[in-house]
Amino acid sequence: MKKTVTIKKNHEFARIYKKGKFFAGRYLVIYVLKNRLGVNRLGITVNKKAGKSVRRNRIKRLIRESYRLYEEFIPESYDIIFFARNTE
């Protein structure tokens, strides 16, 4: 199992949003940027428009679990941000 670190700082999110590549889908936007740390770093963002805190936290848990299941297929040394879109 690979080691994944969470992204918590606002300036790190901003750098990935600005310099990273993004892949947009109907429900998710994924931002990816190569890093030099040797580990993947994961950030999850859910907008307040997605619902109240219970729903937003459930979305984050589902994203985290999906990432965990596919973690072994993802190459190392990437910063990855999952941005959940409003589905309504």
N, C-alpha and C. Protein backbone atom coordinates (compact mmCIF):
# COMPACT_ATOMS: atom_id res chain seq x y z
N MET A 1 0.84 -1.18 0.00
CA MET A 1 0.00 0.00 0.00
C MET A 1 0.88 1.25 0.00
N LYS A 2 0.56 2.19 -0.85
CA LYS A 2 1.34 3.40 -0.97
C LYS A 2 0.99 4.39 0.13
N LYS A 3 1.90 5.29 0.37
CA LYS A 3 1.68 6.33 1.37
C LYS A 3 1.08 7.55 0.69
N THR A 4 -0.01 8.06 1.24
CA THR A 4 -0.65 9.26 0.72
C THR A 4 -0.76 10.27 1.85
N VAL A 5 -0.38 11.49 1.55
CA VAL A 5 -0.43 12.59 2.51
C VAL A 5 -1.54 13.53 2.09
N THR A 6 -2.21 14.17 3.04
CA THR A 6 -3.28 15.10 2.69
C THR A 6 -2.72 16.50 2.48
N ILE A 7 -3.36 17.23 1.59
CA ILE A 7 -3.04 18.63 1.34
C ILE A 7 -3.98 19.45 2.21
N LYS A 8 -3.41 20.34 3.02
CA LYS A 8 -4.23 21.12 3.94
C LYS A 8 -4.06 22.63 3.79
N LYS A 9 -2.95 23.07 3.29
CA LYS A 9 -2.67 24.50 3.24
C LYS A 9 -3.30 25.15 2.01
N ASN A 10 -3.83 26.34 2.21
CA ASN A 10 -4.51 27.06 1.14
C ASN A 10 -3.56 27.39 -0.01
N HIS A 11 -2.32 27.77 0.29
CA HIS A 11 -1.38 28.11 -0.79
C HIS A 11 -1.02 26.90 -1.64
N GLU A 12 -1.06 25.71 -1.05
CA GLU A 12 -0.80 24.49 -1.82
C GLU A 12 -1.96 24.21 -2.78
N PHE A 13 -3.19 24.38 -2.29
CA PHE A 13 -4.35 24.23 -3.16
C PHE A 13 -4.28 25.24 -4.31
N ALA A 14 -3.97 26.49 -3.98
CA ALA A 14 -3.92 27.55 -5.00
C ALA A 14 -2.87 27.24 -6.06
N ARG A 15 -1.70 26.73 -5.64
CA ARG A 15 -0.64 26.41 -6.61
C ARG A 15 -1.08 25.30 -7.55
N ILE A 16 -1.76 24.29 -7.02
CA ILE A 16 -2.21 23.18 -7.86
C ILE A 16 -3.31 23.63 -8.80
N TYR A 17 -4.23 24.47 -8.31
CA TYR A 17 -5.28 25.00 -9.17
C TYR A 17 -4.68 25.82 -10.31
N LYS A 18 -3.64 26.59 -10.01
CA LYS A 18 -3.05 27.49 -11.01
C LYS A 18 -2.15 26.76 -12.01
N LYS A 19 -1.30 25.86 -11.52
CA LYS A 19 -0.29 25.24 -12.39
C LYS A 19 -0.63 23.84 -12.85
N GLY A 20 -1.60 23.19 -12.21
CA GLY A 20 -1.89 21.80 -12.53
C GLY A 20 -2.80 21.64 -13.74
N LYS A 21 -2.83 20.42 -14.25
CA LYS A 21 -3.76 20.08 -15.32
C LYS A 21 -5.06 19.64 -14.68
N PHE A 22 -6.16 19.82 -15.39
CA PHE A 22 -7.44 19.41 -14.81
C PHE A 22 -8.21 18.55 -15.80
N PHE A 23 -9.02 17.69 -15.23
CA PHE A 23 -9.88 16.80 -15.99
C PHE A 23 -11.28 16.95 -15.42
N ALA A 24 -12.20 17.40 -16.25
CA ALA A 24 -13.54 17.72 -15.77
C ALA A 24 -14.54 16.66 -16.19
N GLY A 25 -15.38 16.30 -15.26
CA GLY A 25 -16.49 15.40 -15.50
C GLY A 25 -17.77 16.04 -15.02
N ARG A 26 -18.83 15.28 -15.05
CA ARG A 26 -20.12 15.83 -14.63
C ARG A 26 -20.16 16.09 -13.12
N TYR A 27 -19.58 15.21 -12.34
CA TYR A 27 -19.66 15.31 -10.89
C TYR A 27 -18.35 15.73 -10.22
N LEU A 28 -17.23 15.52 -10.89
CA LEU A 28 -15.92 15.82 -10.30
C LEU A 28 -15.04 16.57 -11.28
N VAL A 29 -14.17 17.40 -10.73
CA VAL A 29 -13.06 17.98 -11.46
C VAL A 29 -11.81 17.53 -10.72
N ILE A 30 -10.84 16.99 -11.44
CA ILE A 30 -9.62 16.49 -10.83
C ILE A 30 -8.45 17.33 -11.32
N TYR A 31 -7.72 17.91 -10.37
CA TYR A 31 -6.52 18.69 -10.68
C TYR A 31 -5.31 17.84 -10.32
N VAL A 32 -4.33 17.78 -11.22
CA VAL A 32 -3.14 16.95 -11.01
C VAL A 32 -1.89 17.77 -11.30
N LEU A 33 -0.91 17.66 -10.41
CA LEU A 33 0.36 18.34 -10.59
C LEU A 33 1.47 17.45 -10.04
N LYS A 34 2.54 17.31 -10.80
CA LYS A 34 3.69 16.49 -10.37
C LYS A 34 4.41 17.18 -9.22
N ASN A 35 4.84 16.39 -8.22
CA ASN A 35 5.65 16.94 -7.14
C ASN A 35 6.97 16.19 -7.04
N ARG A 36 7.85 16.65 -6.17
CA ARG A 36 9.17 16.02 -6.02
C ARG A 36 9.31 15.30 -4.68
N LEU A 37 8.20 14.98 -4.05
CA LEU A 37 8.25 14.43 -2.70
C LEU A 37 8.34 12.91 -2.66
N GLY A 38 8.00 12.24 -3.74
CA GLY A 38 8.04 10.78 -3.76
C GLY A 38 6.78 10.13 -3.22
N VAL A 39 5.81 10.92 -2.79
CA VAL A 39 4.52 10.41 -2.31
C VAL A 39 3.40 11.21 -2.97
N ASN A 40 2.25 10.58 -3.05
CA ASN A 40 1.08 11.30 -3.53
C ASN A 40 0.50 12.14 -2.42
N ARG A 41 -0.01 13.31 -2.78
CA ARG A 41 -0.71 14.16 -1.82
C ARG A 41 -2.12 14.35 -2.34
N LEU A 42 -3.08 14.22 -1.45
CA LEU A 42 -4.49 14.22 -1.83
C LEU A 42 -5.22 15.36 -1.14
N GLY A 43 -6.00 16.10 -1.92
CA GLY A 43 -6.86 17.14 -1.38
C GLY A 43 -8.27 16.93 -1.90
N ILE A 44 -9.26 17.17 -1.06
CA ILE A 44 -10.65 17.01 -1.46
C ILE A 44 -11.39 18.29 -1.11
N THR A 45 -12.10 18.84 -2.09
CA THR A 45 -12.86 20.07 -1.90
C THR A 45 -14.30 19.82 -2.29
N VAL A 46 -15.21 20.22 -1.41
CA VAL A 46 -16.63 20.14 -1.70
C VAL A 46 -17.23 21.51 -1.39
N ASN A 47 -17.88 22.10 -2.37
CA ASN A 47 -18.46 23.42 -2.24
C ASN A 47 -19.67 23.40 -1.32
N LYS A 48 -19.97 24.52 -0.67
CA LYS A 48 -21.14 24.59 0.21
C LYS A 48 -22.45 24.44 -0.55
N LYS A 49 -22.41 24.68 -1.84
CA LYS A 49 -23.61 24.51 -2.66
C LYS A 49 -24.01 23.04 -2.77
N ALA A 50 -23.11 22.14 -2.45
CA ALA A 50 -23.40 20.71 -2.53
C ALA A 50 -24.34 20.24 -1.42
N GLY A 51 -24.53 21.05 -0.41
CA GLY A 51 -25.45 20.68 0.65
C GLY A 51 -24.89 21.03 2.02
N LYS A 52 -25.59 20.61 3.04
CA LYS A 52 -25.15 20.88 4.41
C LYS A 52 -23.98 19.97 4.76
N SER A 53 -23.44 20.16 5.96
CA SER A 53 -22.18 19.50 6.33
C SER A 53 -22.26 17.98 6.29
N VAL A 54 -23.40 17.40 6.64
CA VAL A 54 -23.53 15.95 6.62
C VAL A 54 -23.35 15.41 5.21
N ARG A 55 -23.97 16.06 4.24
CA ARG A 55 -23.86 15.63 2.85
C ARG A 55 -22.45 15.88 2.29
N ARG A 56 -21.87 17.03 2.62
CA ARG A 56 -20.51 17.33 2.14
C ARG A 56 -19.51 16.32 2.70
N ASN A 57 -19.63 15.99 3.98
CA ASN A 57 -18.71 15.02 4.58
C ASN A 57 -18.90 13.64 3.99
N ARG A 58 -20.13 13.26 3.66
CA ARG A 58 -20.36 11.97 3.01
C ARG A 58 -19.69 11.93 1.64
N ILE A 59 -19.81 13.02 0.89
CA ILE A 59 -19.16 13.09 -0.42
C ILE A 59 -17.65 12.92 -0.26
N LYS A 60 -17.07 13.58 0.74
CA LYS A 60 -15.63 13.47 0.98
C LYS A 60 -15.24 12.03 1.35
N ARG A 61 -16.05 11.39 2.17
CA ARG A 61 -15.75 10.00 2.55
C ARG A 61 -15.81 9.08 1.33
N LEU A 62 -16.79 9.28 0.47
CA LEU A 62 -16.91 8.45 -0.73
C LEU A 62 -15.71 8.66 -1.67
N ILE A 63 -15.29 9.90 -1.83
CA ILE A 63 -14.13 10.18 -2.68
C ILE A 63 -12.88 9.55 -2.08
N ARG A 64 -12.69 9.69 -0.78
CA ARG A 64 -11.53 9.12 -0.10
C ARG A 64 -11.48 7.61 -0.25
N GLU A 65 -12.63 6.96 -0.11
CA GLU A 65 -12.68 5.50 -0.23
C GLU A 65 -12.40 5.06 -1.67
N SER A 66 -12.96 5.78 -2.65
CA SER A 66 -12.69 5.46 -4.05
C SER A 66 -11.21 5.60 -4.37
N TYR A 67 -10.60 6.66 -3.85
CA TYR A 67 -9.16 6.84 -4.05
C TYR A 67 -8.38 5.69 -3.43
N ARG A 68 -8.76 5.28 -2.21
CA ARG A 68 -8.06 4.21 -1.52
C ARG A 68 -8.10 2.91 -2.32
N LEU A 69 -9.24 2.64 -2.96
CA LEU A 69 -9.37 1.41 -3.73
C LEU A 69 -8.50 1.40 -4.98
N TYR A 70 -8.28 2.58 -5.58
CA TYR A 70 -7.49 2.67 -6.81
C TYR A 70 -6.08 3.20 -6.58
N GLU A 71 -5.69 3.36 -5.33
CA GLU A 71 -4.40 3.96 -4.99
C GLU A 71 -3.22 3.21 -5.60
N GLU A 72 -3.29 1.89 -5.65
CA GLU A 72 -2.17 1.11 -6.17
C GLU A 72 -1.96 1.30 -7.67
N PHE A 73 -2.96 1.78 -8.39
CA PHE A 73 -2.84 1.98 -9.84
C PHE A 73 -2.41 3.40 -10.20
N ILE A 74 -2.31 4.27 -9.23
CA ILE A 74 -1.95 5.67 -9.46
C ILE A 74 -0.45 5.82 -9.27
N PRO A 75 0.26 6.41 -10.24
CA PRO A 75 1.70 6.58 -10.09
C PRO A 75 2.04 7.51 -8.93
N GLU A 76 3.25 7.40 -8.41
CA GLU A 76 3.67 8.20 -7.26
C GLU A 76 4.12 9.59 -7.68
N SER A 77 4.29 10.46 -6.69
CA SER A 77 4.80 11.83 -6.83
C SER A 77 3.83 12.75 -7.56
N TYR A 78 2.57 12.71 -7.18
CA TYR A 78 1.58 13.62 -7.75
C TYR A 78 0.77 14.28 -6.64
N ASP A 79 0.43 15.54 -6.87
CA ASP A 79 -0.55 16.23 -6.03
C ASP A 79 -1.88 16.12 -6.77
N ILE A 80 -2.90 15.63 -6.07
CA ILE A 80 -4.20 15.40 -6.68
C ILE A 80 -5.28 16.08 -5.85
N ILE A 81 -6.10 16.89 -6.51
CA ILE A 81 -7.23 17.52 -5.84
C ILE A 81 -8.51 17.07 -6.53
N PHE A 82 -9.44 16.58 -5.74
CA PHE A 82 -10.77 16.23 -6.22
C PHE A 82 -11.71 17.36 -5.82
N PHE A 83 -12.33 17.98 -6.79
CA PHE A 83 -13.29 19.06 -6.53
C PHE A 83 -14.67 18.53 -6.89
N ALA A 84 -15.53 18.36 -5.90
CA ALA A 84 -16.88 17.83 -6.13
C ALA A 84 -17.80 18.96 -6.59
N ARG A 85 -18.45 18.75 -7.70
CA ARG A 85 -19.38 19.74 -8.23
C ARG A 85 -20.74 19.58 -7.61
N ASN A 86 -21.52 20.64 -7.68
CA ASN A 86 -22.91 20.59 -7.23
C ASN A 86 -23.72 19.77 -8.22
N THR A 87 -24.45 18.79 -7.73
CA THR A 87 -25.17 17.88 -8.62
C THR A 87 -26.60 18.31 -8.90
N GLU A 88 -27.05 19.39 -8.27
CA GLU A 88 -28.44 19.80 -8.46
C GLU A 88 -28.58 20.88 -9.50
